[in-house]
Amino acid sequence: MAEIILSHTDFADLSTQILQQGTSLRFTAHGSSMSPFIRDGDVMTVEPVRVADLKVGDVVFYHTNGEMLAAHRVVCRHVEGDEIVLTMRGDSSLRYDEKVHAGRVLGRVVNVQRGKKVFHLNKGWMRVLPILWITSTPLRSILLRIAWRVRKVVAAFIS
């Protein structure tokens, strides 16, 4: 499959156009905000979605307040006036991200490919584990600190 490298602005414009036409989008994830469930270098598939169909636990691809793009997990959903508003959080974060109004939602991440393995985010354990993860903040805090320390030790040992 051909790889296309785009600027952030061009990627945001193209992603918006593709998803608004009702077509799925696949791209390589960059960053660690969704670790451990989505890792840097994983290939994500995003499908168009009606905001009314989104649930707590879904991973949503959206425009941030700063007009960048992000894919984070819905941790709360409520209505302000007549608009659905989502509160988002990256899986590796201990704090909530911004609130996302319906107009900034582009799609829902439906699967993640890591090497030859494909993980379907809305089925089985890949649906249940992240919900447990985001609702267990004290345990998650401890596990993240342990994971960060282990990574540092391993990195120091390898280099």
N, C-alpha and C. Protein backbone atom coordinates (compact mmCIF):
# COMPACT_ATOMS: atom_id res chain seq x y z
N MET A 1 0.85 -1.18 0.00
CA MET A 1 0.00 0.00 0.00
C MET A 1 0.89 1.24 0.00
N ALA A 2 0.52 2.22 -0.80
CA ALA A 2 1.30 3.44 -0.91
C ALA A 2 1.17 4.27 0.36
N GLU A 3 2.26 4.92 0.70
CA GLU A 3 2.26 5.80 1.87
C GLU A 3 2.34 7.23 1.41
N ILE A 4 1.49 8.07 1.97
CA ILE A 4 1.48 9.49 1.65
C ILE A 4 1.78 10.25 2.93
N ILE A 5 2.73 11.18 2.86
CA ILE A 5 3.07 11.99 4.02
C ILE A 5 2.52 13.40 3.78
N LEU A 6 1.72 13.87 4.74
CA LEU A 6 1.07 15.17 4.62
C LEU A 6 1.39 16.06 5.81
N SER A 7 1.28 17.36 5.61
CA SER A 7 1.37 18.29 6.74
C SER A 7 0.14 18.10 7.62
N HIS A 8 0.19 18.60 8.85
CA HIS A 8 -0.96 18.49 9.76
C HIS A 8 -2.21 19.13 9.14
N THR A 9 -2.04 20.29 8.53
CA THR A 9 -3.18 20.99 7.94
C THR A 9 -3.78 20.20 6.79
N ASP A 10 -2.91 19.71 5.89
CA ASP A 10 -3.41 18.93 4.75
C ASP A 10 -4.07 17.64 5.21
N PHE A 11 -3.48 16.98 6.22
CA PHE A 11 -4.07 15.75 6.74
C PHE A 11 -5.44 16.03 7.36
N ALA A 12 -5.55 17.12 8.10
CA ALA A 12 -6.84 17.48 8.71
C ALA A 12 -7.89 17.74 7.64
N ASP A 13 -7.51 18.48 6.60
CA ASP A 13 -8.45 18.78 5.51
C ASP A 13 -8.87 17.52 4.78
N LEU A 14 -7.91 16.68 4.42
CA LEU A 14 -8.20 15.45 3.68
C LEU A 14 -9.04 14.48 4.53
N SER A 15 -8.68 14.33 5.80
CA SER A 15 -9.43 13.44 6.70
C SER A 15 -10.88 13.89 6.81
N THR A 16 -11.07 15.18 6.97
CA THR A 16 -12.42 15.73 7.09
C THR A 16 -13.23 15.43 5.83
N GLN A 17 -12.63 15.67 4.67
CA GLN A 17 -13.33 15.44 3.40
C GLN A 17 -13.68 13.96 3.23
N ILE A 18 -12.73 13.08 3.50
CA ILE A 18 -12.95 11.64 3.32
C ILE A 18 -14.08 11.15 4.22
N LEU A 19 -14.02 11.50 5.50
CA LEU A 19 -15.02 11.02 6.45
C LEU A 19 -16.39 11.65 6.21
N GLN A 20 -16.43 12.90 5.79
CA GLN A 20 -17.72 13.54 5.50
C GLN A 20 -18.39 12.94 4.27
N GLN A 21 -17.60 12.31 3.40
CA GLN A 21 -18.17 11.63 2.23
C GLN A 21 -18.67 10.23 2.58
N GLY A 22 -18.48 9.82 3.84
CA GLY A 22 -18.96 8.51 4.27
C GLY A 22 -17.98 7.38 4.03
N THR A 23 -16.71 7.71 3.80
CA THR A 23 -15.68 6.72 3.52
C THR A 23 -14.78 6.54 4.73
N SER A 24 -14.31 5.31 4.95
CA SER A 24 -13.38 5.03 6.04
C SER A 24 -12.00 5.59 5.72
N LEU A 25 -11.22 5.79 6.76
CA LEU A 25 -9.88 6.36 6.65
C LEU A 25 -8.92 5.50 7.46
N ARG A 26 -7.76 5.16 6.87
CA ARG A 26 -6.71 4.42 7.59
C ARG A 26 -5.45 5.27 7.61
N PHE A 27 -4.81 5.34 8.79
CA PHE A 27 -3.57 6.10 8.89
C PHE A 27 -2.76 5.60 10.08
N THR A 28 -1.51 5.96 10.09
CA THR A 28 -0.60 5.55 11.16
C THR A 28 -0.72 6.51 12.33
N ALA A 29 -0.92 5.94 13.51
CA ALA A 29 -1.03 6.74 14.74
C ALA A 29 0.36 7.23 15.15
N HIS A 30 0.41 8.44 15.64
CA HIS A 30 1.66 9.02 16.15
C HIS A 30 1.40 9.54 17.56
N GLY A 31 2.31 9.24 18.46
CA GLY A 31 2.17 9.70 19.84
C GLY A 31 1.88 8.54 20.78
N SER A 32 1.86 8.86 22.06
CA SER A 32 1.68 7.82 23.08
C SER A 32 0.48 8.09 23.99
N SER A 33 -0.37 9.03 23.62
CA SER A 33 -1.48 9.40 24.51
C SER A 33 -2.51 8.29 24.68
N MET A 34 -2.56 7.32 23.78
CA MET A 34 -3.54 6.24 23.88
C MET A 34 -2.92 4.92 24.31
N SER A 35 -1.66 4.96 24.69
CA SER A 35 -0.99 3.75 25.19
C SER A 35 -1.65 3.33 26.49
N PRO A 36 -1.86 2.08 26.74
CA PRO A 36 -1.31 0.90 26.09
C PRO A 36 -2.18 0.30 25.00
N PHE A 37 -3.38 0.82 24.75
CA PHE A 37 -4.29 0.17 23.80
C PHE A 37 -4.03 0.54 22.35
N ILE A 38 -3.59 1.77 22.11
CA ILE A 38 -3.17 2.19 20.77
C ILE A 38 -1.77 2.76 20.93
N ARG A 39 -0.85 2.23 20.14
CA ARG A 39 0.56 2.62 20.28
C ARG A 39 1.04 3.41 19.07
N ASP A 40 2.11 4.17 19.29
CA ASP A 40 2.76 4.90 18.22
C ASP A 40 3.13 3.90 17.12
N GLY A 41 2.73 4.18 15.89
CA GLY A 41 3.03 3.29 14.77
C GLY A 41 1.91 2.33 14.41
N ASP A 42 0.91 2.17 15.27
CA ASP A 42 -0.25 1.34 14.93
C ASP A 42 -1.01 2.01 13.78
N VAL A 43 -1.68 1.20 12.98
CA VAL A 43 -2.51 1.75 11.90
C VAL A 43 -3.96 1.71 12.36
N MET A 44 -4.58 2.88 12.38
CA MET A 44 -5.97 2.99 12.85
C MET A 44 -6.91 3.09 11.66
N THR A 45 -8.08 2.48 11.81
CA THR A 45 -9.16 2.65 10.83
C THR A 45 -10.26 3.45 11.50
N VAL A 46 -10.63 4.55 10.86
CA VAL A 46 -11.68 5.43 11.37
C VAL A 46 -12.85 5.37 10.41
N GLU A 47 -14.05 5.22 10.97
CA GLU A 47 -15.26 5.22 10.16
C GLU A 47 -16.11 6.43 10.54
N PRO A 48 -16.86 6.96 9.57
CA PRO A 48 -17.79 8.04 9.91
C PRO A 48 -18.78 7.54 10.95
N VAL A 49 -19.26 8.44 11.80
CA VAL A 49 -20.19 8.04 12.86
C VAL A 49 -21.14 9.20 13.15
N ARG A 50 -22.36 8.85 13.51
CA ARG A 50 -23.29 9.86 14.02
C ARG A 50 -22.94 10.06 15.50
N VAL A 51 -22.81 11.29 15.92
CA VAL A 51 -22.43 11.58 17.31
C VAL A 51 -23.42 10.95 18.28
N ALA A 52 -24.68 10.87 17.91
CA ALA A 52 -25.70 10.27 18.78
C ALA A 52 -25.41 8.78 19.04
N ASP A 53 -24.63 8.14 18.16
CA ASP A 53 -24.32 6.71 18.32
C ASP A 53 -23.09 6.45 19.18
N LEU A 54 -22.35 7.50 19.55
CA LEU A 54 -21.14 7.32 20.34
C LEU A 54 -21.48 7.00 21.79
N LYS A 55 -20.64 6.12 22.38
CA LYS A 55 -20.84 5.70 23.77
C LYS A 55 -19.55 5.92 24.56
N VAL A 56 -19.69 5.97 25.88
CA VAL A 56 -18.51 6.00 26.74
C VAL A 56 -17.67 4.77 26.41
N GLY A 57 -16.36 4.99 26.23
CA GLY A 57 -15.46 3.91 25.88
C GLY A 57 -15.05 3.92 24.42
N ASP A 58 -15.83 4.57 23.55
CA ASP A 58 -15.46 4.66 22.14
C ASP A 58 -14.24 5.56 21.98
N VAL A 59 -13.42 5.25 20.97
CA VAL A 59 -12.29 6.12 20.62
C VAL A 59 -12.75 6.98 19.45
N VAL A 60 -12.70 8.29 19.66
CA VAL A 60 -13.23 9.25 18.69
C VAL A 60 -12.09 10.03 18.06
N PHE A 61 -12.17 10.22 16.75
CA PHE A 61 -11.23 11.01 15.98
C PHE A 61 -11.87 12.38 15.79
N TYR A 62 -11.20 13.46 16.21
CA TYR A 62 -11.85 14.77 16.26
C TYR A 62 -10.85 15.91 16.11
N HIS A 63 -11.40 17.09 15.83
CA HIS A 63 -10.62 18.33 15.81
C HIS A 63 -10.52 18.82 17.25
N THR A 64 -9.31 19.11 17.71
CA THR A 64 -9.12 19.67 19.04
C THR A 64 -9.45 21.16 19.02
N ASN A 65 -9.43 21.79 20.20
CA ASN A 65 -9.66 23.24 20.26
C ASN A 65 -8.62 23.99 19.44
N GLY A 66 -7.41 23.45 19.38
CA GLY A 66 -6.34 24.10 18.63
C GLY A 66 -6.33 23.72 17.16
N GLU A 67 -7.40 23.07 16.69
CA GLU A 67 -7.56 22.66 15.29
C GLU A 67 -6.55 21.60 14.85
N MET A 68 -5.95 20.91 15.79
CA MET A 68 -5.18 19.72 15.46
C MET A 68 -6.17 18.56 15.44
N LEU A 69 -5.70 17.36 15.12
CA LEU A 69 -6.55 16.18 15.18
C LEU A 69 -6.08 15.29 16.31
N ALA A 70 -7.02 14.61 16.94
CA ALA A 70 -6.68 13.68 18.02
C ALA A 70 -7.64 12.50 17.95
N ALA A 71 -7.21 11.39 18.54
CA ALA A 71 -8.07 10.22 18.71
C ALA A 71 -7.97 9.83 20.18
N HIS A 72 -9.00 10.15 20.94
CA HIS A 72 -9.02 9.85 22.37
C HIS A 72 -10.34 9.19 22.73
N ARG A 73 -10.38 8.64 23.94
CA ARG A 73 -11.53 7.86 24.40
C ARG A 73 -12.59 8.74 25.07
N VAL A 74 -13.84 8.44 24.79
CA VAL A 74 -14.96 9.13 25.43
C VAL A 74 -15.07 8.64 26.87
N VAL A 75 -14.98 9.56 27.83
CA VAL A 75 -15.11 9.18 29.24
C VAL A 75 -16.40 9.72 29.85
N CYS A 76 -17.05 10.65 29.16
CA CYS A 76 -18.32 11.19 29.64
C CYS A 76 -19.05 11.76 28.44
N ARG A 77 -20.36 11.67 28.51
CA ARG A 77 -21.20 12.18 27.42
C ARG A 77 -22.39 12.87 28.06
N HIS A 78 -22.65 14.11 27.65
CA HIS A 78 -23.82 14.81 28.19
C HIS A 78 -24.37 15.77 27.13
N VAL A 79 -25.46 16.40 27.46
CA VAL A 79 -26.11 17.32 26.53
C VAL A 79 -26.05 18.72 27.12
N GLU A 80 -25.62 19.68 26.30
CA GLU A 80 -25.64 21.10 26.66
C GLU A 80 -26.57 21.78 25.67
N GLY A 81 -27.68 22.28 26.17
CA GLY A 81 -28.69 22.84 25.27
C GLY A 81 -29.28 21.71 24.44
N ASP A 82 -29.05 21.76 23.14
CA ASP A 82 -29.52 20.68 22.28
C ASP A 82 -28.36 19.95 21.60
N GLU A 83 -27.15 20.11 22.14
CA GLU A 83 -25.96 19.52 21.52
C GLU A 83 -25.31 18.50 22.45
N ILE A 84 -24.88 17.38 21.85
CA ILE A 84 -24.14 16.37 22.60
C ILE A 84 -22.71 16.85 22.76
N VAL A 85 -22.19 16.77 23.98
CA VAL A 85 -20.81 17.16 24.28
C VAL A 85 -20.11 15.95 24.89
N LEU A 86 -18.91 15.66 24.39
CA LEU A 86 -18.13 14.52 24.85
C LEU A 86 -16.92 15.00 25.64
N THR A 87 -16.63 14.35 26.74
CA THR A 87 -15.39 14.60 27.47
C THR A 87 -14.44 13.48 27.10
N MET A 88 -13.24 13.86 26.67
CA MET A 88 -12.28 12.91 26.13
C MET A 88 -11.09 12.75 27.07
N ARG A 89 -10.40 11.61 26.94
CA ARG A 89 -9.15 11.42 27.67
C ARG A 89 -8.31 10.39 26.93
N GLY A 90 -7.01 10.68 26.82
CA GLY A 90 -6.08 9.69 26.31
C GLY A 90 -5.90 8.61 27.35
N ASP A 91 -5.73 7.37 26.92
CA ASP A 91 -5.61 6.25 27.87
C ASP A 91 -4.41 6.37 28.80
N SER A 92 -3.36 7.06 28.37
CA SER A 92 -2.18 7.18 29.23
C SER A 92 -2.22 8.42 30.11
N SER A 93 -3.28 9.20 30.00
CA SER A 93 -3.40 10.42 30.79
C SER A 93 -4.18 10.18 32.07
N LEU A 94 -3.83 10.92 33.10
CA LEU A 94 -4.55 10.84 34.36
C LEU A 94 -5.60 11.94 34.49
N ARG A 95 -5.59 12.88 33.54
CA ARG A 95 -6.55 13.99 33.56
C ARG A 95 -7.43 13.93 32.32
N TYR A 96 -8.59 14.54 32.43
CA TYR A 96 -9.48 14.63 31.27
C TYR A 96 -8.92 15.63 30.28
N ASP A 97 -9.20 15.37 29.02
CA ASP A 97 -8.87 16.33 27.97
C ASP A 97 -10.00 17.34 27.88
N GLU A 98 -10.04 17.98 26.78
CA GLU A 98 -11.07 18.98 26.55
C GLU A 98 -12.44 18.35 26.31
N LYS A 99 -13.44 19.21 26.37
CA LYS A 99 -14.79 18.81 25.98
C LYS A 99 -14.91 19.02 24.47
N VAL A 100 -15.52 18.07 23.81
CA VAL A 100 -15.62 18.10 22.36
C VAL A 100 -17.09 18.19 21.96
N HIS A 101 -17.42 19.27 21.27
CA HIS A 101 -18.79 19.45 20.79
C HIS A 101 -18.97 18.64 19.50
N ALA A 102 -20.20 18.27 19.25
CA ALA A 102 -20.54 17.37 18.15
C ALA A 102 -19.95 17.79 16.81
N GLY A 103 -19.90 19.08 16.55
CA GLY A 103 -19.40 19.57 15.26
C GLY A 103 -17.93 19.30 15.00
N ARG A 104 -17.18 18.95 16.03
CA ARG A 104 -15.75 18.69 15.85
C ARG A 104 -15.43 17.20 15.69
N VAL A 105 -16.43 16.34 15.83
CA VAL A 105 -16.23 14.89 15.70
C VAL A 105 -16.16 14.51 14.23
N LEU A 106 -15.10 13.77 13.86
CA LEU A 106 -14.95 13.30 12.49
C LEU A 106 -15.36 11.85 12.33
N GLY A 107 -15.04 11.01 13.32
CA GLY A 107 -15.36 9.59 13.19
C GLY A 107 -14.99 8.81 14.43
N ARG A 108 -15.21 7.49 14.35
CA ARG A 108 -14.90 6.58 15.46
C ARG A 108 -13.83 5.61 14.98
N VAL A 109 -12.81 5.40 15.82
CA VAL A 109 -11.77 4.41 15.51
C VAL A 109 -12.38 3.03 15.75
N VAL A 110 -12.40 2.20 14.71
CA VAL A 110 -13.06 0.90 14.83
C VAL A 110 -12.08 -0.26 14.96
N ASN A 111 -10.88 -0.09 14.41
CA ASN A 111 -9.86 -1.11 14.64
C ASN A 111 -8.47 -0.53 14.55
N VAL A 112 -7.55 -1.31 15.11
CA VAL A 112 -6.14 -0.93 15.16
C VAL A 112 -5.33 -2.12 14.67
N GLN A 113 -4.43 -1.85 13.74
CA GLN A 113 -3.56 -2.91 13.25
C GLN A 113 -2.16 -2.69 13.80
N ARG A 114 -1.63 -3.73 14.42
CA ARG A 114 -0.28 -3.71 14.98
C ARG A 114 0.45 -4.89 14.36
N GLY A 115 1.33 -4.59 13.40
CA GLY A 115 1.95 -5.67 12.65
C GLY A 115 0.88 -6.39 11.85
N LYS A 116 0.80 -7.71 12.03
CA LYS A 116 -0.21 -8.49 11.31
C LYS A 116 -1.49 -8.69 12.11
N LYS A 117 -1.51 -8.23 13.37
CA LYS A 117 -2.69 -8.39 14.21
C LYS A 117 -3.63 -7.19 14.05
N VAL A 118 -4.92 -7.50 14.01
CA VAL A 118 -5.94 -6.46 13.95
C VAL A 118 -6.80 -6.57 15.20
N PHE A 119 -6.93 -5.47 15.92
CA PHE A 119 -7.73 -5.41 17.14
C PHE A 119 -9.00 -4.61 16.85
N HIS A 120 -10.16 -5.23 17.03
CA HIS A 120 -11.45 -4.56 16.82
C HIS A 120 -11.85 -3.90 18.14
N LEU A 121 -11.91 -2.59 18.16
CA LEU A 121 -12.09 -1.84 19.40
C LEU A 121 -13.49 -1.93 20.00
N ASN A 122 -14.45 -2.33 19.23
CA ASN A 122 -15.82 -2.35 19.74
C ASN A 122 -16.34 -3.75 20.00
N LYS A 123 -15.42 -4.72 20.12
CA LYS A 123 -15.82 -6.11 20.34
C LYS A 123 -14.97 -6.75 21.43
N GLY A 124 -15.59 -7.62 22.20
CA GLY A 124 -14.88 -8.46 23.16
C GLY A 124 -14.03 -7.69 24.15
N TRP A 125 -12.84 -8.24 24.41
CA TRP A 125 -11.94 -7.66 25.42
C TRP A 125 -11.45 -6.27 25.05
N MET A 126 -11.33 -5.97 23.78
CA MET A 126 -10.87 -4.64 23.38
C MET A 126 -11.96 -3.59 23.62
N ARG A 127 -13.16 -4.01 23.92
CA ARG A 127 -14.22 -3.08 24.33
C ARG A 127 -14.25 -2.97 25.86
N VAL A 128 -14.08 -4.11 26.54
CA VAL A 128 -14.23 -4.17 27.99
C VAL A 128 -13.00 -3.63 28.72
N LEU A 129 -11.80 -4.07 28.35
CA LEU A 129 -10.59 -3.67 29.07
C LEU A 129 -10.38 -2.15 29.12
N PRO A 130 -10.50 -1.45 28.00
CA PRO A 130 -10.32 0.01 28.08
C PRO A 130 -11.33 0.70 28.99
N ILE A 131 -12.56 0.21 29.02
CA ILE A 131 -13.55 0.82 29.91
C ILE A 131 -13.16 0.60 31.37
N LEU A 132 -12.69 -0.60 31.69
CA LEU A 132 -12.17 -0.85 33.04
C LEU A 132 -10.98 0.05 33.33
N TRP A 133 -10.12 0.21 32.34
CA TRP A 133 -8.91 1.03 32.47
C TRP A 133 -9.26 2.48 32.79
N ILE A 134 -10.20 3.06 32.04
CA ILE A 134 -10.51 4.48 32.24
C ILE A 134 -11.32 4.74 33.50
N THR A 135 -11.97 3.71 34.03
CA THR A 135 -12.77 3.91 35.24
C THR A 135 -12.00 3.57 36.51
N SER A 136 -10.78 3.08 36.38
CA SER A 136 -9.99 2.70 37.56
C SER A 136 -8.80 3.63 37.72
N THR A 137 -9.06 4.91 37.88
CA THR A 137 -7.99 5.91 37.93
C THR A 137 -6.92 5.63 38.97
N PRO A 138 -7.23 5.27 40.22
CA PRO A 138 -6.15 5.03 41.19
C PRO A 138 -5.25 3.87 40.76
N LEU A 139 -5.83 2.76 40.32
CA LEU A 139 -5.04 1.62 39.88
C LEU A 139 -4.25 1.97 38.64
N ARG A 140 -4.86 2.69 37.72
CA ARG A 140 -4.20 3.09 36.48
C ARG A 140 -3.00 3.97 36.77
N SER A 141 -3.14 4.86 37.73
CA SER A 141 -2.05 5.73 38.11
C SER A 141 -0.84 4.92 38.57
N ILE A 142 -1.08 3.94 39.39
CA ILE A 142 0.01 3.08 39.88
C ILE A 142 0.63 2.30 38.73
N LEU A 143 -0.22 1.69 37.89
CA LEU A 143 0.29 0.89 36.77
C LEU A 143 1.08 1.73 35.78
N LEU A 144 0.61 2.95 35.49
CA LEU A 144 1.34 3.82 34.57
C LEU A 144 2.70 4.20 35.13
N ARG A 145 2.77 4.50 36.42
CA ARG A 145 4.07 4.85 37.03
C ARG A 145 5.03 3.67 36.95
N ILE A 146 4.53 2.47 37.22
CA ILE A 146 5.38 1.27 37.12
C ILE A 146 5.85 1.08 35.68
N ALA A 147 4.93 1.22 34.72
CA ALA A 147 5.28 1.04 33.30
C ALA A 147 6.33 2.05 32.87
N TRP A 148 6.19 3.33 33.27
CA TRP A 148 7.17 4.35 32.91
C TRP A 148 8.54 4.02 33.49
N ARG A 149 8.58 3.56 34.73
CA ARG A 149 9.87 3.20 35.34
C ARG A 149 10.50 2.01 34.64
N VAL A 150 9.69 1.01 34.32
CA VAL A 150 10.22 -0.17 33.61
C VAL A 150 10.78 0.25 32.26
N ARG A 151 10.07 1.12 31.53
CA ARG A 151 10.57 1.60 30.24
C ARG A 151 11.91 2.30 30.38
N LYS A 152 12.05 3.13 31.41
CA LYS A 152 13.32 3.84 31.63
C LYS A 152 14.45 2.86 31.91
N VAL A 153 14.18 1.87 32.74
CA VAL A 153 15.21 0.87 33.08
C VAL A 153 15.60 0.09 31.83
N VAL A 154 14.61 -0.34 31.07
CA VAL A 154 14.89 -1.11 29.85
C VAL A 154 15.66 -0.25 28.86
N ALA A 155 15.25 1.00 28.68
CA ALA A 155 15.94 1.90 27.75
C ALA A 155 17.39 2.13 28.19
N ALA A 156 17.61 2.30 29.48
CA ALA A 156 18.97 2.50 29.99
C ALA A 156 19.81 1.23 29.80
N PHE A 157 19.18 0.10 29.98
CA PHE A 157 19.88 -1.18 29.85
C PHE A 157 20.27 -1.45 28.40
N ILE A 158 19.39 -1.10 27.46
CA ILE A 158 19.62 -1.36 26.04
C ILE A 158 20.67 -0.42 25.48
N SER A 159 20.67 0.85 25.91
CA SER A 159 21.60 1.82 25.31
C SER A 159 22.95 1.82 25.93
